[in-house]
């Protein structure tokens, strides 16, 4: 089976030139770098063929480490790149995919951010639609706003990261799931089923969240529900993150499983397998 991970992070050492956040490090609670060599070793052991690299949000709009990974491993990695939103630069996006490894854009919405509602980011959505650049967006608590964005830009492909889960555990994490399921009516919206072990207190295979995954699958279908891990946040092994979907979800099999585990992601991003 062809397997493509919809989200992983890599980062370098904590240096003055690229310092880590001073208030905790959210990526797997690791206190060491996690580079492309570490990632390749994990992928090989887990049987993952491809992965989308998302540069960490705390590095701002830097994409250089991800691009170096793509240069070293052509075809194995793609990038949903970061772009600064505070200054409108639509010309930058005109040739975005001409850059090494670039497949599209990734945005992060936090409670303190206003760019999604004050018009600051409107130029990026307009340019992304114009230039056929898919967008991945981490947006817990903002799904109703994303619905309006999807309606205004019907040709903009949007992927909702981590099912827009709230950063708590178990049932409480899925409080906004009805809002996500309502977005399935937008054909330009897909759901990334990633980082899920981080939202459960159950042991592997995290059976208490399986019914929620079935609801997402029923709403979005196999071609708009993408498996992913956010590897460095996992509370299980990388291989278990794979087998949770390939062996533990009875409603996923055959062609549907192939689409969820990688074919759908690559088709959505225009990334030929």
Protein backbone atom coordinates (compact mmCIF):
# COMPACT_ATOMS: atom_id res chain seq x y z
CA UNK A 1 0.00 0.00 0.00
CA UNK A 2 1.20 3.48 -0.91
CA UNK A 3 1.27 5.58 2.29
CA UNK A 4 1.73 9.35 2.44
CA UNK A 5 1.71 11.26 5.73
CA UNK A 6 -0.24 14.53 5.52
CA UNK A 7 1.85 16.29 8.18
CA UNK A 8 5.25 16.06 9.79
CA UNK A 9 7.61 18.65 11.26
CA UNK A 10 11.39 18.90 11.25
CA UNK A 11 13.54 21.46 13.04
CA UNK A 12 17.17 22.21 13.73
CA UNK A 13 19.22 22.88 16.83
CA UNK A 14 18.44 25.74 19.22
CA UNK A 15 20.85 28.45 18.07
CA UNK A 16 20.91 32.25 18.14
CA UNK A 17 20.27 32.18 14.41
CA UNK A 18 17.11 30.05 14.76
CA UNK A 19 16.14 29.97 18.44
CA UNK A 20 13.49 27.69 19.88
CA UNK A 21 10.49 29.14 21.70
CA UNK A 22 11.31 30.14 25.26
CA UNK A 23 7.95 28.96 26.64
CA UNK A 24 8.06 25.24 26.05
CA UNK A 25 8.57 23.25 22.89
CA UNK A 26 5.36 21.72 21.62
CA UNK A 27 6.72 19.17 19.16
CA UNK A 28 6.61 15.86 21.00
CA UNK A 29 8.01 17.52 24.07
CA UNK A 30 11.42 16.90 22.56
CA UNK A 31 14.43 18.87 23.72
CA UNK A 32 16.65 17.86 20.81
CA UNK A 33 16.57 18.65 17.08
CA UNK A 34 14.51 16.44 14.79
CA UNK A 35 15.94 16.61 11.30
CA UNK A 36 15.36 14.97 7.96
CA UNK A 37 17.66 12.02 8.73
CA UNK A 38 15.61 11.28 11.86
CA UNK A 39 12.42 11.56 9.82
CA UNK A 40 13.63 9.26 7.04
CA UNK A 41 14.63 6.61 9.57
CA UNK A 42 11.19 6.78 11.19
CA UNK A 43 9.42 6.61 7.82
CA UNK A 44 11.46 3.63 6.65
CA UNK A 45 10.73 1.73 9.86
CA UNK A 46 7.00 2.48 9.67
CA UNK A 47 6.57 1.81 5.95
CA UNK A 48 5.66 5.39 5.05
CA UNK A 49 6.61 6.31 1.48
CA UNK A 50 6.00 10.07 1.44
CA UNK A 51 5.35 12.93 3.82
CA UNK A 52 4.26 16.54 3.70
CA UNK A 53 6.60 18.72 5.73
CA UNK A 54 5.01 21.64 7.55
CA UNK A 55 7.64 24.07 8.84
CA UNK A 56 7.06 24.76 12.57
CA UNK A 57 4.95 27.84 13.24
CA UNK A 58 7.48 29.19 15.73
CA UNK A 59 9.98 29.68 12.90
CA UNK A 60 7.78 32.29 11.25
CA UNK A 61 7.86 32.11 7.47
CA UNK A 62 11.07 30.08 7.14
CA UNK A 63 10.94 27.09 4.80
CA UNK A 64 14.65 26.43 4.28
CA UNK A 65 15.03 23.20 6.30
CA UNK A 66 12.04 21.66 4.51
CA UNK A 67 13.44 22.67 1.13
CA UNK A 68 16.80 21.13 1.96
CA UNK A 69 14.99 17.89 2.86
CA UNK A 70 13.31 17.94 -0.56
CA UNK A 71 16.62 18.54 -2.32
CA UNK A 72 18.19 15.59 -0.54
CA UNK A 73 15.24 13.26 -1.09
CA UNK A 74 13.53 14.23 -4.36
CA UNK A 75 9.93 13.07 -4.59
CA UNK A 76 9.77 11.78 -1.04
CA UNK A 77 8.83 15.06 0.60
CA UNK A 78 6.59 17.96 -0.28
CA UNK A 79 6.09 21.22 1.60
CA UNK A 80 3.09 23.23 2.65
CA UNK A 81 5.10 26.40 3.05
CA UNK A 82 4.84 29.39 5.34
CA UNK A 83 4.37 32.91 4.04
CA UNK A 84 4.23 36.17 5.98
CA UNK A 85 0.68 37.53 6.00
CA UNK A 86 1.26 40.99 7.44
CA UNK A 87 2.25 42.48 4.08
CA UNK A 88 0.29 41.64 0.93
CA UNK A 89 2.67 40.05 -1.57
CA UNK A 90 0.49 38.22 -4.12
CA UNK A 91 3.36 38.23 -6.62
CA UNK A 92 5.28 35.89 -4.30
CA UNK A 93 2.59 33.24 -4.72
CA UNK A 94 2.52 33.50 -8.51
CA UNK A 95 5.53 31.17 -8.76
CA UNK A 96 5.21 29.45 -5.38
CA UNK A 97 5.30 25.92 -6.74
CA UNK A 98 8.42 26.66 -8.78
CA UNK A 99 10.33 26.56 -5.49
CA UNK A 100 11.90 23.31 -4.38
CA UNK A 101 9.28 20.96 -2.96
CA UNK A 102 6.46 23.50 -2.64
CA UNK A 103 2.94 22.11 -2.94
CA UNK A 104 0.92 24.86 -1.27
CA UNK A 105 0.55 26.94 1.89
CA UNK A 106 0.01 26.29 5.57
CA UNK A 107 -1.60 28.78 7.96
CA UNK A 108 -2.06 28.68 11.72
CA UNK A 109 -4.90 30.38 13.59
CA UNK A 110 -4.50 30.96 17.31
CA UNK A 111 -6.84 32.80 19.69
CA UNK A 112 -4.63 35.87 19.64
CA UNK A 113 -4.56 36.05 15.85
CA UNK A 114 -6.78 38.51 13.99
CA UNK A 115 -5.63 37.99 10.40
CA UNK A 116 -8.50 35.65 9.63
CA UNK A 117 -11.18 38.22 10.48
CA UNK A 118 -9.64 41.66 9.94
CA UNK A 119 -8.86 41.23 6.24
CA UNK A 120 -5.10 40.92 6.69
CA UNK A 121 -4.97 37.46 5.15
CA UNK A 122 -7.51 37.99 2.39
CA UNK A 123 -4.83 38.63 -0.22
CA UNK A 124 -3.30 35.20 0.44
CA UNK A 125 -6.59 33.37 -0.09
CA UNK A 126 -7.21 35.32 -3.30
CA UNK A 127 -3.73 34.61 -4.66
CA UNK A 128 -3.82 30.95 -3.59
CA UNK A 129 -7.08 30.44 -5.46
CA UNK A 130 -5.78 32.27 -8.52
CA UNK A 131 -2.61 30.20 -8.69
CA UNK A 132 -4.17 26.86 -7.69
CA UNK A 133 -2.32 26.57 -4.39
CA UNK A 134 -3.95 24.26 -1.84
CA UNK A 135 -4.05 25.59 1.73
CA UNK A 136 -3.75 23.63 4.96
CA UNK A 137 -4.98 25.47 8.02
CA UNK A 138 -4.83 24.75 11.74
CA UNK A 139 -7.96 26.45 13.02
CA UNK A 140 -9.52 25.07 16.22
CA UNK A 141 -12.42 27.25 17.27
CA UNK A 142 -12.62 28.99 13.87
CA UNK A 143 -14.57 26.59 11.68
CA UNK A 144 -17.50 28.94 11.10
CA UNK A 145 -15.08 31.54 9.74
CA UNK A 146 -13.41 28.93 7.53
CA UNK A 147 -16.84 28.03 6.16
CA UNK A 148 -17.24 31.62 4.99
CA UNK A 149 -13.75 31.58 3.44
CA UNK A 150 -14.57 28.36 1.58
CA UNK A 151 -17.77 29.95 0.28
CA UNK A 152 -16.01 33.13 -0.90
CA UNK A 153 -13.24 31.16 -2.63
CA UNK A 154 -14.95 28.07 -4.08
CA UNK A 155 -11.93 27.11 -6.20
CA UNK A 156 -9.51 27.27 -3.26
CA UNK A 157 -8.68 23.82 -1.92
CA UNK A 158 -8.68 23.93 1.89
CA UNK A 159 -7.53 21.17 4.25
CA UNK A 160 -8.61 21.41 7.90
CA UNK A 161 -5.70 20.24 10.05
CA UNK A 162 -6.17 17.74 12.89
CA UNK A 163 -9.96 17.81 12.33
CA UNK A 164 -9.85 21.24 14.05
CA UNK A 165 -9.84 19.40 17.40
CA UNK A 166 -9.71 21.42 20.60
CA UNK A 167 -6.51 20.80 22.58
CA UNK A 168 -8.06 18.70 25.32
CA UNK A 169 -8.66 14.95 25.50
CA UNK A 170 -11.32 12.41 24.59
CA UNK A 171 -14.93 13.53 23.97
CA UNK A 172 -14.20 17.13 24.90
CA UNK A 173 -11.68 17.39 22.05
CA UNK A 174 -14.45 16.65 19.55
CA UNK A 175 -16.90 19.28 20.80
CA UNK A 176 -16.71 21.15 17.48
CA UNK A 177 -16.99 18.05 15.30
CA UNK A 178 -20.53 18.92 14.11
CA UNK A 179 -19.13 22.17 12.69
CA UNK A 180 -16.42 20.24 10.85
CA UNK A 181 -18.94 17.75 9.47
CA UNK A 182 -21.07 20.65 8.24
CA UNK A 183 -18.08 21.82 6.18
CA UNK A 184 -18.23 18.61 4.15
CA UNK A 185 -20.93 20.30 2.08
CA UNK A 186 -18.16 22.45 0.59
CA UNK A 187 -16.51 20.38 -2.17
CA UNK A 188 -13.35 22.47 -1.82
CA UNK A 189 -12.81 21.45 1.83
CA UNK A 190 -11.02 18.30 3.05
CA UNK A 191 -10.21 16.99 6.52
CA UNK A 192 -6.80 15.93 7.79
CA UNK A 193 -7.16 13.10 10.33
CA UNK A 194 -3.83 13.75 12.02
CA UNK A 195 -2.30 13.96 15.52
CA UNK A 196 -5.22 11.88 16.81
CA UNK A 197 -3.36 9.92 19.52
CA UNK A 198 -2.63 13.27 21.18
CA UNK A 199 -6.37 13.71 21.78
CA UNK A 200 -7.09 10.41 23.55
CA UNK A 201 -6.33 9.06 27.01
CA UNK A 202 -7.04 5.51 25.81
CA UNK A 203 -4.08 3.26 24.97
CA UNK A 204 -3.40 2.20 21.38
CA UNK A 205 -5.48 1.78 19.21
CA UNK A 206 -7.45 4.65 20.84
CA UNK A 207 -10.84 3.03 20.38
CA UNK A 208 -12.72 5.83 22.11
CA UNK A 209 -12.12 8.12 19.12
CA UNK A 210 -12.94 5.58 16.38
CA UNK A 211 -16.65 6.53 16.24
CA UNK A 212 -15.67 10.13 15.54
CA UNK A 213 -13.41 9.01 12.70
CA UNK A 214 -16.32 7.08 11.22
CA UNK A 215 -18.40 10.26 11.24
CA UNK A 216 -15.64 12.17 9.43
CA UNK A 217 -15.29 9.40 6.88
CA UNK A 218 -19.04 9.25 6.27
CA UNK A 219 -19.20 13.03 5.79
CA UNK A 220 -16.09 13.66 3.67
CA UNK A 221 -15.60 10.30 1.99
CA UNK A 222 -12.30 8.54 1.24
CA UNK A 223 -11.04 11.18 -1.21
CA UNK A 224 -11.35 14.10 1.21
CA UNK A 225 -10.20 12.49 4.46
CA UNK A 226 -6.42 12.32 4.71
CA UNK A 227 -4.39 10.20 7.12
CA UNK A 228 -1.56 12.02 8.86
CA UNK A 229 0.38 11.93 12.08
CA UNK A 230 2.10 15.14 13.16
CA UNK A 231 4.69 12.51 14.02
CA UNK A 232 6.56 14.37 16.75
CA UNK A 233 3.39 14.71 18.87
CA UNK A 234 2.56 11.01 18.85
CA UNK A 235 2.00 9.04 22.04
CA UNK A 236 2.54 5.81 20.10
CA UNK A 237 5.07 4.52 17.59
CA UNK A 238 4.97 5.70 14.00
CA UNK A 239 4.07 2.19 12.89
CA UNK A 240 1.14 2.12 15.31
CA UNK A 241 -0.11 5.41 13.85
CA UNK A 242 -0.21 3.58 10.50
CA UNK A 243 -1.83 0.37 11.75
CA UNK A 244 -4.47 2.26 13.73
CA UNK A 245 -5.96 3.07 10.31
CA UNK A 246 -4.89 0.07 8.24
CA UNK A 247 -5.79 -2.63 10.80
CA UNK A 248 -8.07 -1.19 13.49
CA UNK A 249 -10.84 0.66 11.61
CA UNK A 250 -13.30 -1.91 10.19
CA UNK A 251 -15.01 0.67 7.98
CA UNK A 252 -11.77 1.29 6.04
CA UNK A 253 -10.72 -1.27 3.45
CA UNK A 254 -9.89 -1.77 -0.20
CA UNK A 255 -9.83 1.31 -2.41
CA UNK A 256 -11.24 3.49 0.36
CA UNK A 257 -8.24 2.69 2.57
CA UNK A 258 -5.83 3.40 -0.29
CA UNK A 259 -7.38 6.84 -0.82
CA UNK A 260 -7.33 7.73 2.88
CA UNK A 261 -3.75 6.54 3.40
CA UNK A 262 -2.17 8.57 0.61
CA UNK A 263 -3.82 8.56 -2.80
CA UNK A 264 -6.37 11.20 -1.83
CA UNK A 265 -3.79 13.53 -0.30
CA UNK A 266 -1.51 13.39 -3.34
CA UNK A 267 -4.43 13.93 -5.73
CA UNK A 268 -5.71 16.91 -3.71
CA UNK A 269 -2.28 18.54 -3.63
CA UNK A 270 -1.48 17.81 -7.28
CA UNK A 271 1.51 15.71 -6.21
CA UNK A 272 1.81 12.78 -8.66
CA UNK A 273 2.66 9.53 -6.92
